[in-house]
Full PDB file with SEQRES, HELIX, SHEET, SSBOND, CRYST1, ORIGX, SCALE, CONECT and MASTER records, all heavy atoms in Angstrom:
SEQRES   1 A   30  GLY ALA ASN SER SER MET PRO HIS GLY VAL PRO SER ASP          
SEQRES   2 A   30  LYS PRO VAL ALA ASP GLY ASP PHE LEU THR MET ASP PHE          
SEQRES   3 A   30  GLY CYS MET LEU                                              
HELIX    1 AA1 ALA A    2  SER A    5  5                                   4    
CRYST1    1.000    1.000    1.000  90.00  90.00  90.00 P 1           1          
ORIGX1      1.000000  0.000000  0.000000        0.00000                         
ORIGX2      0.000000  1.000000  0.000000        0.00000                         
ORIGX3      0.000000  0.000000  1.000000        0.00000                         
SCALE1      1.000000  0.000000  0.000000        0.00000                         
SCALE2      0.000000  1.000000  0.000000        0.00000                         
SCALE3      0.000000  0.000000  1.000000        0.00000                         
ATOM      1  N   GLY A   1     165.468 161.771  53.123  1.00  0.00           N  
ATOM      2  CA  GLY A   1     165.206 163.224  53.438  1.00  0.00           C  
ATOM      3  C   GLY A   1     165.508 163.626  54.791  1.00  0.00           C  
ATOM      4  O   GLY A   1     166.498 163.334  55.365  1.00  0.00           O  
ATOM      5  N   ALA A   2     164.528 164.346  55.416  1.00  0.00           N  
ATOM      6  CA  ALA A   2     164.746 164.827  56.765  1.00  0.00           C  
ATOM      7  C   ALA A   2     164.883 163.618  57.851  1.00  0.00           C  
ATOM      8  O   ALA A   2     165.507 163.723  58.802  1.00  0.00           O  
ATOM      9  CB  ALA A   2     163.655 165.756  57.227  1.00  0.00           C  
ATOM     10  N   ASN A   3     164.265 162.551  57.374  1.00  0.00           N  
ATOM     11  CA  ASN A   3     164.294 161.302  58.364  1.00  0.00           C  
ATOM     12  C   ASN A   3     165.766 160.778  58.465  1.00  0.00           C  
ATOM     13  O   ASN A   3     166.134 160.164  59.407  1.00  0.00           O  
ATOM     14  CB  ASN A   3     163.480 160.185  57.842  1.00  0.00           C  
ATOM     15  CG  ASN A   3     162.038 160.589  58.021  1.00  0.00           C  
ATOM     16  OD1 ASN A   3     161.661 161.504  58.692  1.00  0.00           O  
ATOM     17  ND2 ASN A   3     161.104 159.802  57.277  1.00  0.00           N  
ATOM     18  N   SER A   4     166.575 161.084  57.414  1.00  0.00           N  
ATOM     19  CA  SER A   4     167.976 160.461  57.439  1.00  0.00           C  
ATOM     20  C   SER A   4     168.920 161.250  58.400  1.00  0.00           C  
ATOM     21  O   SER A   4     170.029 160.771  58.648  1.00  0.00           O  
ATOM     22  CB  SER A   4     168.591 160.569  56.021  1.00  0.00           C  
ATOM     23  OG  SER A   4     168.717 161.917  55.577  1.00  0.00           O  
ATOM     24  N   SER A   5     168.415 162.239  58.998  1.00  0.00           N  
ATOM     25  CA  SER A   5     169.230 162.923  60.057  1.00  0.00           C  
ATOM     26  C   SER A   5     169.106 162.188  61.397  1.00  0.00           C  
ATOM     27  O   SER A   5     169.808 162.537  62.355  1.00  0.00           O  
ATOM     28  CB  SER A   5     168.641 164.424  60.225  1.00  0.00           C  
ATOM     29  OG  SER A   5     167.448 164.434  60.915  1.00  0.00           O  
ATOM     30  N   MET A   6     168.239 161.162  61.405  1.00  0.00           N  
ATOM     31  CA  MET A   6     168.182 160.336  62.637  1.00  0.00           C  
ATOM     32  C   MET A   6     168.936 159.077  62.462  1.00  0.00           C  
ATOM     33  O   MET A   6     168.611 158.194  61.637  1.00  0.00           O  
ATOM     34  CB  MET A   6     166.682 159.976  62.937  1.00  0.00           C  
ATOM     35  CG  MET A   6     165.871 161.240  63.280  1.00  0.00           C  
ATOM     36  SD  MET A   6     164.170 160.891  63.662  1.00  0.00           S  
ATOM     37  CE  MET A   6     163.462 160.671  61.992  1.00  0.00           C  
ATOM     38  N   PRO A   7     170.120 158.925  63.103  1.00  0.00           N  
ATOM     39  CA  PRO A   7     170.955 157.757  62.870  1.00  0.00           C  
ATOM     40  C   PRO A   7     170.300 156.488  62.990  1.00  0.00           C  
ATOM     41  O   PRO A   7     170.628 155.478  62.266  1.00  0.00           O  
ATOM     42  CB  PRO A   7     172.046 157.944  63.896  1.00  0.00           C  
ATOM     43  CG  PRO A   7     172.144 159.361  64.248  1.00  0.00           C  
ATOM     44  CD  PRO A   7     170.672 159.847  64.073  1.00  0.00           C  
ATOM     45  N   HIS A   8     169.352 156.246  63.949  1.00  0.00           N  
ATOM     46  CA  HIS A   8     168.627 154.948  64.081  1.00  0.00           C  
ATOM     47  C   HIS A   8     167.162 155.199  63.886  1.00  0.00           C  
ATOM     48  O   HIS A   8     166.288 154.653  64.610  1.00  0.00           O  
ATOM     49  CB  HIS A   8     168.896 154.373  65.557  1.00  0.00           C  
ATOM     50  CG  HIS A   8     170.143 153.758  65.657  1.00  0.00           C  
ATOM     51  ND1 HIS A   8     170.515 152.874  66.720  1.00  0.00           N  
ATOM     52  CD2 HIS A   8     171.246 153.680  64.808  1.00  0.00           C  
ATOM     53  CE1 HIS A   8     171.689 152.339  66.590  1.00  0.00           C  
ATOM     54  NE2 HIS A   8     172.212 152.780  65.431  1.00  0.00           N  
ATOM     55  N   GLY A   9     166.843 155.986  62.804  1.00  0.00           N  
ATOM     56  CA  GLY A   9     165.449 156.145  62.393  1.00  0.00           C  
ATOM     57  C   GLY A   9     164.771 154.889  61.979  1.00  0.00           C  
ATOM     58  O   GLY A   9     165.436 153.873  61.587  1.00  0.00           O  
ATOM     59  N   VAL A  10     163.483 154.850  62.081  1.00  0.00           N  
ATOM     60  CA  VAL A  10     162.733 153.662  61.696  1.00  0.00           C  
ATOM     61  C   VAL A  10     162.041 153.911  60.360  1.00  0.00           C  
ATOM     62  O   VAL A  10     161.414 155.017  60.045  1.00  0.00           O  
ATOM     63  CB  VAL A  10     161.602 153.383  62.782  1.00  0.00           C  
ATOM     64  CG1 VAL A  10     160.742 152.250  62.404  1.00  0.00           C  
ATOM     65  CG2 VAL A  10     162.325 153.141  64.107  1.00  0.00           C  
ATOM     66  N   PRO A  11     162.076 152.943  59.426  1.00  0.00           N  
ATOM     67  CA  PRO A  11     161.445 153.078  58.106  1.00  0.00           C  
ATOM     68  C   PRO A  11     159.906 153.501  58.290  1.00  0.00           C  
ATOM     69  O   PRO A  11     159.214 152.918  59.109  1.00  0.00           O  
ATOM     70  CB  PRO A  11     161.586 151.728  57.520  1.00  0.00           C  
ATOM     71  CG  PRO A  11     162.749 151.130  58.099  1.00  0.00           C  
ATOM     72  CD  PRO A  11     162.740 151.625  59.555  1.00  0.00           C  
ATOM     73  N   SER A  12     159.615 154.495  57.466  1.00  0.00           N  
ATOM     74  CA  SER A  12     158.134 154.974  57.565  1.00  0.00           C  
ATOM     75  C   SER A  12     157.469 154.880  56.232  1.00  0.00           C  
ATOM     76  O   SER A  12     157.996 154.302  55.258  1.00  0.00           O  
ATOM     77  CB  SER A  12     158.213 156.433  57.966  1.00  0.00           C  
ATOM     78  OG  SER A  12     158.667 157.220  56.890  1.00  0.00           O  
ATOM     79  N   ASP A  13     156.294 155.383  56.179  1.00  0.00           N  
ATOM     80  CA  ASP A  13     155.540 155.348  54.875  1.00  0.00           C  
ATOM     81  C   ASP A  13     155.878 156.508  54.015  1.00  0.00           C  
ATOM     82  O   ASP A  13     155.242 156.734  52.954  1.00  0.00           O  
ATOM     83  CB  ASP A  13     153.992 155.473  55.171  1.00  0.00           C  
ATOM     84  CG  ASP A  13     153.500 154.173  55.876  1.00  0.00           C  
ATOM     85  OD1 ASP A  13     153.930 153.052  55.498  1.00  0.00           O  
ATOM     86  OD2 ASP A  13     152.727 154.271  56.808  1.00  0.00           O  
ATOM     87  N   LYS A  14     156.895 157.270  54.324  1.00  0.00           N  
ATOM     88  CA  LYS A  14     157.314 158.360  53.540  1.00  0.00           C  
ATOM     89  C   LYS A  14     157.882 157.915  52.108  1.00  0.00           C  
ATOM     90  O   LYS A  14     158.866 157.173  52.139  1.00  0.00           O  
ATOM     91  CB  LYS A  14     158.412 159.214  54.275  1.00  0.00           C  
ATOM     92  CG  LYS A  14     158.999 160.374  53.421  1.00  0.00           C  
ATOM     93  CD  LYS A  14     160.299 160.922  54.024  1.00  0.00           C  
ATOM     94  CE  LYS A  14     160.928 161.907  53.148  1.00  0.00           C  
ATOM     95  NZ  LYS A  14     161.336 161.420  51.786  1.00  0.00           N  
ATOM     96  N   PRO A  15     157.440 158.448  51.072  1.00  0.00           N  
ATOM     97  CA  PRO A  15     158.028 158.092  49.756  1.00  0.00           C  
ATOM     98  C   PRO A  15     159.380 158.879  49.556  1.00  0.00           C  
ATOM     99  O   PRO A  15     159.493 159.917  50.037  1.00  0.00           O  
ATOM    100  CB  PRO A  15     156.978 158.575  48.712  1.00  0.00           C  
ATOM    101  CG  PRO A  15     155.773 158.968  49.491  1.00  0.00           C  
ATOM    102  CD  PRO A  15     156.249 159.308  50.860  1.00  0.00           C  
ATOM    103  N   VAL A  16     160.317 158.229  48.981  1.00  0.00           N  
ATOM    104  CA  VAL A  16     161.565 158.918  48.631  1.00  0.00           C  
ATOM    105  C   VAL A  16     161.217 159.830  47.544  1.00  0.00           C  
ATOM    106  O   VAL A  16     160.445 159.605  46.611  1.00  0.00           O  
ATOM    107  CB  VAL A  16     162.711 157.935  48.265  1.00  0.00           C  
ATOM    108  CG1 VAL A  16     163.054 157.013  49.440  1.00  0.00           C  
ATOM    109  CG2 VAL A  16     162.413 157.119  47.006  1.00  0.00           C  
ATOM    110  N   ALA A  17     161.945 161.016  47.596  1.00  0.00           N  
ATOM    111  CA  ALA A  17     161.664 162.088  46.630  1.00  0.00           C  
ATOM    112  C   ALA A  17     162.935 162.618  46.019  1.00  0.00           C  
ATOM    113  O   ALA A  17     164.044 162.474  46.568  1.00  0.00           O  
ATOM    114  CB  ALA A  17     160.905 163.250  47.332  1.00  0.00           C  
ATOM    115  N   ASP A  18     162.806 163.323  44.912  1.00  0.00           N  
ATOM    116  CA  ASP A  18     163.961 164.017  44.282  1.00  0.00           C  
ATOM    117  C   ASP A  18     164.602 164.915  45.230  1.00  0.00           C  
ATOM    118  O   ASP A  18     163.990 165.708  45.943  1.00  0.00           O  
ATOM    119  CB  ASP A  18     163.460 164.673  43.060  1.00  0.00           C  
ATOM    120  CG  ASP A  18     164.630 165.398  42.324  1.00  0.00           C  
ATOM    121  OD1 ASP A  18     165.335 164.622  41.598  1.00  0.00           O  
ATOM    122  OD2 ASP A  18     164.774 166.592  42.386  1.00  0.00           O  
ATOM    123  N   GLY A  19     165.904 164.803  45.319  1.00  0.00           N  
ATOM    124  CA  GLY A  19     166.730 165.684  46.215  1.00  0.00           C  
ATOM    125  C   GLY A  19     166.936 165.120  47.594  1.00  0.00           C  
ATOM    126  O   GLY A  19     167.600 165.770  48.434  1.00  0.00           O  
ATOM    127  N   ASP A  20     166.387 163.932  47.853  1.00  0.00           N  
ATOM    128  CA  ASP A  20     166.577 163.226  49.062  1.00  0.00           C  
ATOM    129  C   ASP A  20     167.909 162.544  49.157  1.00  0.00           C  
ATOM    130  O   ASP A  20     168.416 162.028  48.113  1.00  0.00           O  
ATOM    131  CB  ASP A  20     165.547 162.189  49.387  1.00  0.00           C  
ATOM    132  CG  ASP A  20     164.183 162.727  49.922  1.00  0.00           C  
ATOM    133  OD1 ASP A  20     164.143 163.909  50.231  1.00  0.00           O  
ATOM    134  OD2 ASP A  20     163.277 161.941  49.982  1.00  0.00           O  
ATOM    135  N   PHE A  21     168.526 162.426  50.354  1.00  0.00           N  
ATOM    136  CA  PHE A  21     169.464 161.386  50.643  1.00  0.00           C  
ATOM    137  C   PHE A  21     168.726 160.230  51.176  1.00  0.00           C  
ATOM    138  O   PHE A  21     167.695 160.443  51.916  1.00  0.00           O  
ATOM    139  CB  PHE A  21     170.498 161.803  51.758  1.00  0.00           C  
ATOM    140  CG  PHE A  21     171.723 162.358  51.232  1.00  0.00           C  
ATOM    141  CD1 PHE A  21     172.412 163.537  51.819  1.00  0.00           C  
ATOM    142  CD2 PHE A  21     172.459 161.759  50.125  1.00  0.00           C  
ATOM    143  CE1 PHE A  21     173.502 164.037  51.322  1.00  0.00           C  
ATOM    144  CE2 PHE A  21     173.639 162.268  49.693  1.00  0.00           C  
ATOM    145  CZ  PHE A  21     174.164 163.379  50.252  1.00  0.00           C  
ATOM    146  N   LEU A  22     169.095 159.030  50.867  1.00  0.00           N  
ATOM    147  CA  LEU A  22     168.463 157.835  51.284  1.00  0.00           C  
ATOM    148  C   LEU A  22     169.585 157.019  52.058  1.00  0.00           C  
ATOM    149  O   LEU A  22     170.617 156.568  51.321  1.00  0.00           O  
ATOM    150  CB  LEU A  22     167.866 156.951  50.222  1.00  0.00           C  
ATOM    151  CG  LEU A  22     167.368 155.588  50.547  1.00  0.00           C  
ATOM    152  CD1 LEU A  22     166.137 155.746  51.566  1.00  0.00           C  
ATOM    153  CD2 LEU A  22     166.985 154.807  49.324  1.00  0.00           C  
ATOM    154  N   THR A  23     169.462 156.818  53.369  1.00  0.00           N  
ATOM    155  CA  THR A  23     170.478 156.041  54.060  1.00  0.00           C  
ATOM    156  C   THR A  23     169.913 154.667  54.369  1.00  0.00           C  
ATOM    157  O   THR A  23     168.812 154.510  54.931  1.00  0.00           O  
ATOM    158  CB  THR A  23     170.831 156.711  55.403  1.00  0.00           C  
ATOM    159  OG1 THR A  23     171.509 158.016  55.038  1.00  0.00           O  
ATOM    160  CG2 THR A  23     171.847 155.926  56.240  1.00  0.00           C  
ATOM    161  N   MET A  24     170.730 153.627  54.121  1.00  0.00           N  
ATOM    162  CA  MET A  24     170.344 152.209  54.260  1.00  0.00           C  
ATOM    163  C   MET A  24     171.404 151.562  55.185  1.00  0.00           C  
ATOM    164  O   MET A  24     172.529 151.478  54.741  1.00  0.00           O  
ATOM    165  CB  MET A  24     170.175 151.509  53.010  1.00  0.00           C  
ATOM    166  CG  MET A  24     169.047 152.008  52.145  1.00  0.00           C  
ATOM    167  SD  MET A  24     169.047 151.315  50.493  1.00  0.00           S  
ATOM    168  CE  MET A  24     170.442 152.254  49.738  1.00  0.00           C  
ATOM    169  N   ASP A  25     171.088 151.210  56.436  1.00  0.00           N  
ATOM    170  CA  ASP A  25     171.943 150.581  57.368  1.00  0.00           C  
ATOM    171  C   ASP A  25     171.294 149.136  57.632  1.00  0.00           C  
ATOM    172  O   ASP A  25     170.210 149.100  58.126  1.00  0.00           O  
ATOM    173  CB  ASP A  25     172.100 151.417  58.641  1.00  0.00           C  
ATOM    174  CG  ASP A  25     173.024 150.819  59.646  1.00  0.00           C  
ATOM    175  OD1 ASP A  25     173.539 149.689  59.486  1.00  0.00           O  
ATOM    176  OD2 ASP A  25     173.449 151.587  60.630  1.00  0.00           O  
ATOM    177  N   PHE A  26     172.099 148.053  57.301  1.00  0.00           N  
ATOM    178  CA  PHE A  26     171.418 146.843  57.263  1.00  0.00           C  
ATOM    179  C   PHE A  26     172.510 145.709  57.466  1.00  0.00           C  
ATOM    180  O   PHE A  26     173.723 145.950  57.305  1.00  0.00           O  
ATOM    181  CB  PHE A  26     170.610 146.565  56.048  1.00  0.00           C  
ATOM    182  CG  PHE A  26     171.454 146.633  54.762  1.00  0.00           C  
ATOM    183  CD1 PHE A  26     171.973 145.587  54.080  1.00  0.00           C  
ATOM    184  CD2 PHE A  26     171.670 148.002  54.262  1.00  0.00           C  
ATOM    185  CE1 PHE A  26     172.791 145.750  53.014  1.00  0.00           C  
ATOM    186  CE2 PHE A  26     172.505 148.127  53.072  1.00  0.00           C  
ATOM    187  CZ  PHE A  26     172.951 146.915  52.513  1.00  0.00           C  
ATOM    188  N   GLY A  27     172.098 144.505  57.712  1.00  0.00           N  
ATOM    189  CA  GLY A  27     172.979 143.397  57.807  1.00  0.00           C  
ATOM    190  C   GLY A  27     172.204 142.142  57.977  1.00  0.00           C  
ATOM    191  O   GLY A  27     171.078 142.107  58.449  1.00  0.00           O  
ATOM    192  N   CYS A  28     172.880 140.959  57.834  1.00  0.00           N  
ATOM    193  CA  CYS A  28     172.244 139.701  58.021  1.00  0.00           C  
ATOM    194  C   CYS A  28     173.170 138.777  58.750  1.00  0.00           C  
ATOM    195  O   CYS A  28     174.386 139.031  58.934  1.00  0.00           O  
ATOM    196  CB  CYS A  28     171.843 139.098  56.670  1.00  0.00           C  
ATOM    197  SG  CYS A  28     173.248 138.784  55.634  1.00  0.00           S  
ATOM    198  N   MET A  29     172.581 137.664  59.264  1.00  0.00           N  
ATOM    199  CA  MET A  29     173.373 136.674  59.944  1.00  0.00           C  
ATOM    200  C   MET A  29     173.457 135.388  59.084  1.00  0.00           C  
ATOM    201  O   MET A  29     172.511 134.964  58.398  1.00  0.00           O  
ATOM    202  CB  MET A  29     172.748 136.312  61.269  1.00  0.00           C  
ATOM    203  CG  MET A  29     172.752 137.498  62.243  1.00  0.00           C  
ATOM    204  SD  MET A  29     172.169 137.020  63.879  1.00  0.00           S  
ATOM    205  CE  MET A  29     173.597 136.107  64.519  1.00  0.00           C  
ATOM    206  N   LEU A  30     174.637 134.799  59.058  1.00  0.00           N  
ATOM    207  CA  LEU A  30     174.885 133.562  58.428  1.00  0.00           C  
ATOM    208  C   LEU A  30     175.756 132.712  59.304  1.00  0.00           C  
ATOM    209  O   LEU A  30     176.783 133.098  59.759  1.00  0.00           O  
ATOM    210  CB  LEU A  30     175.581 133.806  57.080  1.00  0.00           C  
ATOM    211  CG  LEU A  30     175.938 132.540  56.234  1.00  0.00           C  
ATOM    212  CD1 LEU A  30     174.613 131.957  55.710  1.00  0.00           C  
ATOM    213  CD2 LEU A  30     176.832 132.887  55.090  1.00  0.00           C  
TER     214      LEU A  30                                                      
MASTER        0    0    0    1    0    0    0    6  213    1    0    3          
END                                                                             
């Protein structure tokens, strides 16, 4: 939702809702 306008936003307790964009930026090391 509105949190996705922050490129480096921190995951919060906000539930995802109908009409939201959900952005997931992630990676792992191997």
